[in-house]
Amino acid sequence: MPTWSTFIWAFLVGGAICAVGQILMDSTRMTPGHVMSILVVAGAVADGLGLYDPLIKFAGAGATVPITSFGNALVHGAMLEAQTHGWIGVITGIFEVTSAGISAAIVFAFLAAIFAKPKG
């Protein structure tokens, strides 16, 4: 059963990840797309170095909700499938782990396009 410290650490770690992204946007001329790419790559590198799983165990949703977890999922899936299927597993593992999130993004973007009024 989670304790209050679990929620506090999740809040602090998730907030720190988001604060890094906000600081990058405020202090540089980077667009949100650039910052998002940097955070995804940072999550991928952290997983490749074996640092992201301990962070998830420590912070829970504070590490799995921000965009860095997408990079983690990409590398994690690729590495798991590469162990069982070789080089082709690198490609299939990426899509196996992240396909639900990608599919949801496509469906919700389509629904938003149908029901939202465009500006201008």
N, C-alpha and C. Protein backbone atom coordinates (compact mmCIF):
# COMPACT_ATOMS: atom_id res chain seq x y z
N MET A 1 0.85 -1.18 0.00
CA MET A 1 0.00 0.00 0.00
C MET A 1 0.89 1.25 0.00
N PRO A 2 0.61 2.18 -0.91
CA PRO A 2 1.45 3.38 -0.98
C PRO A 2 1.32 4.25 0.28
N THR A 3 2.42 4.86 0.62
CA THR A 3 2.43 5.79 1.74
C THR A 3 2.48 7.21 1.20
N TRP A 4 2.38 8.18 2.09
CA TRP A 4 2.44 9.57 1.66
C TRP A 4 3.76 9.90 1.01
N SER A 5 4.83 9.26 1.49
CA SER A 5 6.14 9.54 0.89
C SER A 5 6.19 9.11 -0.57
N THR A 6 5.46 8.07 -0.93
CA THR A 6 5.39 7.63 -2.33
C THR A 6 4.81 8.73 -3.20
N PHE A 7 3.73 9.34 -2.74
CA PHE A 7 3.10 10.41 -3.50
C PHE A 7 3.99 11.65 -3.57
N ILE A 8 4.65 11.94 -2.48
CA ILE A 8 5.52 13.12 -2.45
C ILE A 8 6.69 12.95 -3.42
N TRP A 9 7.33 11.76 -3.40
CA TRP A 9 8.45 11.53 -4.31
C TRP A 9 8.00 11.53 -5.76
N ALA A 10 6.82 10.96 -6.04
CA ALA A 10 6.30 10.98 -7.41
C ALA A 10 6.08 12.42 -7.87
N PHE A 11 5.51 13.23 -6.98
CA PHE A 11 5.28 14.64 -7.31
C PHE A 11 6.59 15.38 -7.55
N LEU A 12 7.57 15.16 -6.70
CA LEU A 12 8.84 15.87 -6.82
C LEU A 12 9.62 15.45 -8.07
N VAL A 13 9.67 14.16 -8.34
CA VAL A 13 10.42 13.68 -9.51
C VAL A 13 9.71 14.09 -10.80
N GLY A 14 8.41 13.88 -10.87
CA GLY A 14 7.67 14.31 -12.05
C GLY A 14 7.74 15.81 -12.27
N GLY A 15 7.65 16.56 -11.18
CA GLY A 15 7.76 18.01 -11.26
C GLY A 15 9.14 18.45 -11.71
N ALA A 16 10.17 17.74 -11.26
CA ALA A 16 11.54 18.09 -11.66
C ALA A 16 11.74 17.84 -13.15
N ILE A 17 11.21 16.73 -13.66
CA ILE A 17 11.32 16.45 -15.10
C ILE A 17 10.60 17.53 -15.90
N CYS A 18 9.42 17.89 -15.48
CA CYS A 18 8.67 18.93 -16.18
C CYS A 18 9.34 20.30 -16.04
N ALA A 19 9.93 20.56 -14.88
CA ALA A 19 10.62 21.84 -14.68
C ALA A 19 11.83 21.96 -15.59
N VAL A 20 12.53 20.85 -15.82
CA VAL A 20 13.66 20.88 -16.75
C VAL A 20 13.18 21.27 -18.14
N GLY A 21 12.08 20.68 -18.58
CA GLY A 21 11.52 21.04 -19.88
C GLY A 21 11.11 22.50 -19.95
N GLN A 22 10.49 22.99 -18.89
CA GLN A 22 10.06 24.39 -18.88
C GLN A 22 11.25 25.34 -18.86
N ILE A 23 12.28 25.00 -18.12
CA ILE A 23 13.48 25.84 -18.07
C ILE A 23 14.15 25.88 -19.45
N LEU A 24 14.18 24.73 -20.13
CA LEU A 24 14.75 24.71 -21.48
C LEU A 24 13.97 25.62 -22.42
N MET A 25 12.65 25.61 -22.32
CA MET A 25 11.86 26.47 -23.20
C MET A 25 12.00 27.94 -22.84
N ASP A 26 12.09 28.24 -21.55
CA ASP A 26 12.17 29.64 -21.12
C ASP A 26 13.55 30.26 -21.32
N SER A 27 14.59 29.47 -21.17
CA SER A 27 15.94 30.05 -21.21
C SER A 27 16.63 29.90 -22.56
N THR A 28 16.05 29.17 -23.49
CA THR A 28 16.62 29.02 -24.82
C THR A 28 15.56 29.37 -25.86
N ARG A 29 15.93 29.28 -27.09
CA ARG A 29 14.98 29.56 -28.17
C ARG A 29 14.39 28.27 -28.73
N MET A 30 14.43 27.21 -27.92
CA MET A 30 13.91 25.93 -28.37
C MET A 30 12.39 25.95 -28.40
N THR A 31 11.84 25.26 -29.39
CA THR A 31 10.39 25.12 -29.48
C THR A 31 9.96 23.95 -28.59
N PRO A 32 8.67 23.83 -28.29
CA PRO A 32 8.22 22.68 -27.51
C PRO A 32 8.57 21.34 -28.16
N GLY A 33 8.57 21.30 -29.48
CA GLY A 33 8.95 20.07 -30.17
C GLY A 33 10.40 19.68 -29.92
N HIS A 34 11.29 20.68 -29.90
CA HIS A 34 12.69 20.40 -29.61
C HIS A 34 12.86 19.89 -28.18
N VAL A 35 12.19 20.53 -27.25
CA VAL A 35 12.30 20.13 -25.84
C VAL A 35 11.72 18.73 -25.65
N MET A 36 10.61 18.44 -26.30
CA MET A 36 10.02 17.11 -26.20
C MET A 36 10.99 16.06 -26.73
N SER A 37 11.62 16.35 -27.85
CA SER A 37 12.60 15.40 -28.42
C SER A 37 13.77 15.18 -27.47
N ILE A 38 14.24 16.25 -26.85
CA ILE A 38 15.34 16.13 -25.90
C ILE A 38 14.94 15.26 -24.71
N LEU A 39 13.74 15.45 -24.21
CA LEU A 39 13.29 14.66 -23.06
C LEU A 39 13.09 13.19 -23.42
N VAL A 40 12.58 12.92 -24.63
CA VAL A 40 12.43 11.52 -25.07
C VAL A 40 13.80 10.86 -25.20
N VAL A 41 14.75 11.56 -25.81
CA VAL A 41 16.10 11.01 -25.95
C VAL A 41 16.75 10.82 -24.58
N ALA A 42 16.53 11.76 -23.67
CA ALA A 42 17.09 11.61 -22.32
C ALA A 42 16.53 10.38 -21.63
N GLY A 43 15.24 10.13 -21.78
CA GLY A 43 14.65 8.92 -21.22
C GLY A 43 15.20 7.66 -21.85
N ALA A 44 15.43 7.71 -23.17
CA ALA A 44 15.99 6.56 -23.87
C ALA A 44 17.42 6.28 -23.41
N VAL A 45 18.22 7.32 -23.29
CA VAL A 45 19.60 7.16 -22.84
C VAL A 45 19.63 6.65 -21.40
N ALA A 46 18.77 7.20 -20.55
CA ALA A 46 18.73 6.75 -19.16
C ALA A 46 18.35 5.28 -19.07
N ASP A 47 17.42 4.82 -19.92
CA ASP A 47 17.07 3.40 -19.91
C ASP A 47 18.21 2.56 -20.46
N GLY A 48 18.87 3.05 -21.51
CA GLY A 48 20.00 2.32 -22.06
C GLY A 48 21.13 2.13 -21.05
N LEU A 49 21.29 3.10 -20.17
CA LEU A 49 22.32 3.02 -19.13
C LEU A 49 21.82 2.28 -17.88
N GLY A 50 20.56 1.86 -17.88
CA GLY A 50 20.01 1.14 -16.74
C GLY A 50 19.61 2.02 -15.58
N LEU A 51 19.38 3.31 -15.85
CA LEU A 51 19.03 4.25 -14.78
C LEU A 51 17.53 4.51 -14.65
N TYR A 52 16.76 4.24 -15.68
CA TYR A 52 15.36 4.63 -15.64
C TYR A 52 14.50 3.67 -14.83
N ASP A 53 14.77 2.38 -14.89
CA ASP A 53 13.98 1.43 -14.09
C ASP A 53 14.10 1.67 -12.59
N PRO A 54 15.31 1.93 -12.05
CA PRO A 54 15.36 2.29 -10.63
C PRO A 54 14.60 3.58 -10.31
N LEU A 55 14.60 4.53 -11.25
CA LEU A 55 13.84 5.76 -11.05
C LEU A 55 12.34 5.47 -10.99
N ILE A 56 11.87 4.56 -11.85
CA ILE A 56 10.46 4.18 -11.83
C ILE A 56 10.11 3.49 -10.51
N LYS A 57 10.98 2.62 -10.04
CA LYS A 57 10.73 1.94 -8.76
C LYS A 57 10.69 2.94 -7.61
N PHE A 58 11.51 3.97 -7.70
CA PHE A 58 11.57 4.97 -6.64
C PHE A 58 10.41 5.96 -6.71
N ALA A 59 10.12 6.49 -7.90
CA ALA A 59 9.16 7.59 -8.03
C ALA A 59 7.81 7.16 -8.60
N GLY A 60 7.67 5.96 -9.08
CA GLY A 60 6.40 5.49 -9.61
C GLY A 60 5.90 6.35 -10.75
N ALA A 61 4.68 6.89 -10.61
CA ALA A 61 4.07 7.70 -11.66
C ALA A 61 4.84 8.98 -11.95
N GLY A 62 5.64 9.43 -11.01
CA GLY A 62 6.46 10.60 -11.25
C GLY A 62 7.47 10.39 -12.36
N ALA A 63 7.81 9.13 -12.62
CA ALA A 63 8.75 8.81 -13.70
C ALA A 63 8.06 8.20 -14.91
N THR A 64 6.86 7.65 -14.74
CA THR A 64 6.19 6.99 -15.88
C THR A 64 5.26 7.92 -16.64
N VAL A 65 4.82 9.01 -16.04
CA VAL A 65 3.88 9.91 -16.71
C VAL A 65 4.56 10.91 -17.65
N PRO A 66 5.68 11.54 -17.29
CA PRO A 66 6.30 12.51 -18.20
C PRO A 66 6.76 11.86 -19.51
N ILE A 67 7.03 12.69 -20.50
CA ILE A 67 7.39 12.22 -21.84
C ILE A 67 8.69 11.42 -21.85
N THR A 68 9.51 11.55 -20.83
CA THR A 68 10.74 10.77 -20.79
C THR A 68 10.47 9.28 -20.75
N SER A 69 9.32 8.89 -20.24
CA SER A 69 8.99 7.46 -20.18
C SER A 69 8.73 6.88 -21.56
N PHE A 70 8.40 7.72 -22.55
CA PHE A 70 8.23 7.22 -23.91
C PHE A 70 9.57 6.77 -24.46
N GLY A 71 10.61 7.54 -24.22
CA GLY A 71 11.96 7.12 -24.62
C GLY A 71 12.37 5.86 -23.90
N ASN A 72 12.03 5.77 -22.63
CA ASN A 72 12.29 4.57 -21.85
C ASN A 72 11.60 3.37 -22.48
N ALA A 73 10.33 3.53 -22.85
CA ALA A 73 9.57 2.42 -23.44
C ALA A 73 10.15 1.99 -24.78
N LEU A 74 10.59 2.94 -25.58
CA LEU A 74 11.18 2.60 -26.88
C LEU A 74 12.42 1.73 -26.71
N VAL A 75 13.33 2.16 -25.87
CA VAL A 75 14.58 1.43 -25.69
C VAL A 75 14.33 0.12 -24.96
N HIS A 76 13.46 0.15 -23.96
CA HIS A 76 13.18 -1.06 -23.19
C HIS A 76 12.61 -2.15 -24.09
N GLY A 77 11.64 -1.79 -24.92
CA GLY A 77 11.05 -2.77 -25.84
C GLY A 77 12.05 -3.28 -26.85
N ALA A 78 12.87 -2.39 -27.38
CA ALA A 78 13.87 -2.79 -28.37
C ALA A 78 14.89 -3.75 -27.76
N MET A 79 15.33 -3.46 -26.55
CA MET A 79 16.34 -4.31 -25.91
C MET A 79 15.77 -5.69 -25.55
N LEU A 80 14.52 -5.73 -25.08
CA LEU A 80 13.92 -7.02 -24.73
C LEU A 80 13.74 -7.90 -25.96
N GLU A 81 13.23 -7.33 -27.04
CA GLU A 81 13.00 -8.11 -28.24
C GLU A 81 14.31 -8.46 -28.95
N ALA A 82 15.31 -7.62 -28.83
CA ALA A 82 16.62 -7.92 -29.44
C ALA A 82 17.24 -9.15 -28.80
N GLN A 83 16.99 -9.37 -27.52
CA GLN A 83 17.54 -10.54 -26.84
C GLN A 83 16.92 -11.83 -27.35
N THR A 84 15.64 -11.78 -27.73
CA THR A 84 14.98 -13.01 -28.17
C THR A 84 14.98 -13.18 -29.69
N HIS A 85 14.90 -12.08 -30.45
CA HIS A 85 14.76 -12.19 -31.91
C HIS A 85 15.91 -11.58 -32.69
N GLY A 86 16.93 -11.10 -32.03
CA GLY A 86 18.07 -10.51 -32.73
C GLY A 86 17.77 -9.11 -33.23
N TRP A 87 18.42 -8.74 -34.33
CA TRP A 87 18.32 -7.37 -34.84
C TRP A 87 16.90 -7.00 -35.27
N ILE A 88 16.15 -7.94 -35.81
CA ILE A 88 14.77 -7.62 -36.21
C ILE A 88 13.92 -7.31 -34.99
N GLY A 89 14.29 -7.86 -33.85
CA GLY A 89 13.59 -7.58 -32.60
C GLY A 89 13.71 -6.15 -32.15
N VAL A 90 14.78 -5.48 -32.56
CA VAL A 90 14.95 -4.07 -32.21
C VAL A 90 13.79 -3.26 -32.80
N ILE A 91 13.46 -3.53 -34.05
CA ILE A 91 12.39 -2.79 -34.71
C ILE A 91 11.02 -3.22 -34.19
N THR A 92 10.79 -4.51 -34.08
CA THR A 92 9.48 -4.97 -33.63
C THR A 92 9.24 -4.65 -32.17
N GLY A 93 10.29 -4.64 -31.36
CA GLY A 93 10.14 -4.34 -29.94
C GLY A 93 9.70 -2.91 -29.69
N ILE A 94 10.18 -1.99 -30.52
CA ILE A 94 9.78 -0.59 -30.38
C ILE A 94 8.29 -0.45 -30.56
N PHE A 95 7.75 -1.10 -31.59
CA PHE A 95 6.32 -0.97 -31.88
C PHE A 95 5.46 -1.80 -30.95
N GLU A 96 5.99 -2.92 -30.47
CA GLU A 96 5.20 -3.78 -29.58
C GLU A 96 4.88 -3.07 -28.26
N VAL A 97 5.85 -2.37 -27.73
CA VAL A 97 5.66 -1.73 -26.43
C VAL A 97 4.88 -0.41 -26.54
N THR A 98 5.10 0.34 -27.61
CA THR A 98 4.52 1.68 -27.70
C THR A 98 3.29 1.76 -28.60
N SER A 99 2.86 0.65 -29.18
CA SER A 99 1.76 0.72 -30.15
C SER A 99 0.45 1.21 -29.54
N ALA A 100 0.17 0.88 -28.30
CA ALA A 100 -1.08 1.34 -27.68
C ALA A 100 -1.09 2.86 -27.54
N GLY A 101 0.01 3.44 -27.11
CA GLY A 101 0.08 4.89 -26.96
C GLY A 101 0.02 5.61 -28.30
N ILE A 102 0.71 5.07 -29.29
CA ILE A 102 0.68 5.68 -30.62
C ILE A 102 -0.71 5.58 -31.22
N SER A 103 -1.35 4.42 -31.09
CA SER A 103 -2.71 4.25 -31.61
C SER A 103 -3.69 5.19 -30.94
N ALA A 104 -3.58 5.34 -29.62
CA ALA A 104 -4.47 6.25 -28.91
C ALA A 104 -4.27 7.68 -29.37
N ALA A 105 -3.04 8.09 -29.59
CA ALA A 105 -2.76 9.45 -30.06
C ALA A 105 -3.39 9.68 -31.43
N ILE A 106 -3.32 8.70 -32.31
CA ILE A 106 -3.91 8.84 -33.65
C ILE A 106 -5.43 8.93 -33.56
N VAL A 107 -6.04 8.06 -32.77
CA VAL A 107 -7.51 8.05 -32.65
C VAL A 107 -8.01 9.36 -32.04
N PHE A 108 -7.38 9.82 -30.96
CA PHE A 108 -7.84 11.05 -30.32
C PHE A 108 -7.58 12.28 -31.18
N ALA A 109 -6.49 12.27 -31.93
CA ALA A 109 -6.24 13.39 -32.85
C ALA A 109 -7.30 13.41 -33.95
N PHE A 110 -7.69 12.25 -34.43
CA PHE A 110 -8.74 12.16 -35.44
C PHE A 110 -10.07 12.67 -34.89
N LEU A 111 -10.42 12.24 -33.67
CA LEU A 111 -11.67 12.70 -33.06
C LEU A 111 -11.65 14.21 -32.80
N ALA A 112 -10.52 14.72 -32.37
CA ALA A 112 -10.41 16.16 -32.16
C ALA A 112 -10.58 16.91 -33.46
N ALA A 113 -10.05 16.37 -34.54
CA ALA A 113 -10.19 17.02 -35.85
C ALA A 113 -11.63 17.02 -36.33
N ILE A 114 -12.38 16.00 -35.96
CA ILE A 114 -13.78 15.93 -36.38
C ILE A 114 -14.64 16.91 -35.57
N PHE A 115 -14.45 16.95 -34.26
CA PHE A 115 -15.36 17.69 -33.41
C PHE A 115 -14.92 19.12 -33.07
N ALA A 116 -13.66 19.45 -33.28
CA ALA A 116 -13.18 20.79 -32.92
C ALA A 116 -13.32 21.73 -34.11
N LYS A 117 -13.62 22.97 -33.81
CA LYS A 117 -13.70 23.99 -34.86
C LYS A 117 -12.30 24.58 -35.04
N PRO A 118 -11.79 24.58 -36.27
CA PRO A 118 -10.47 25.19 -36.47
C PRO A 118 -10.53 26.70 -36.33
N LYS A 119 -9.44 27.26 -35.87
CA LYS A 119 -9.36 28.72 -35.77
C LYS A 119 -8.89 29.27 -37.10
N GLY A 120 -9.47 30.42 -37.49
CA GLY A 120 -9.00 31.12 -38.66
C GLY A 120 -9.57 30.71 -39.96
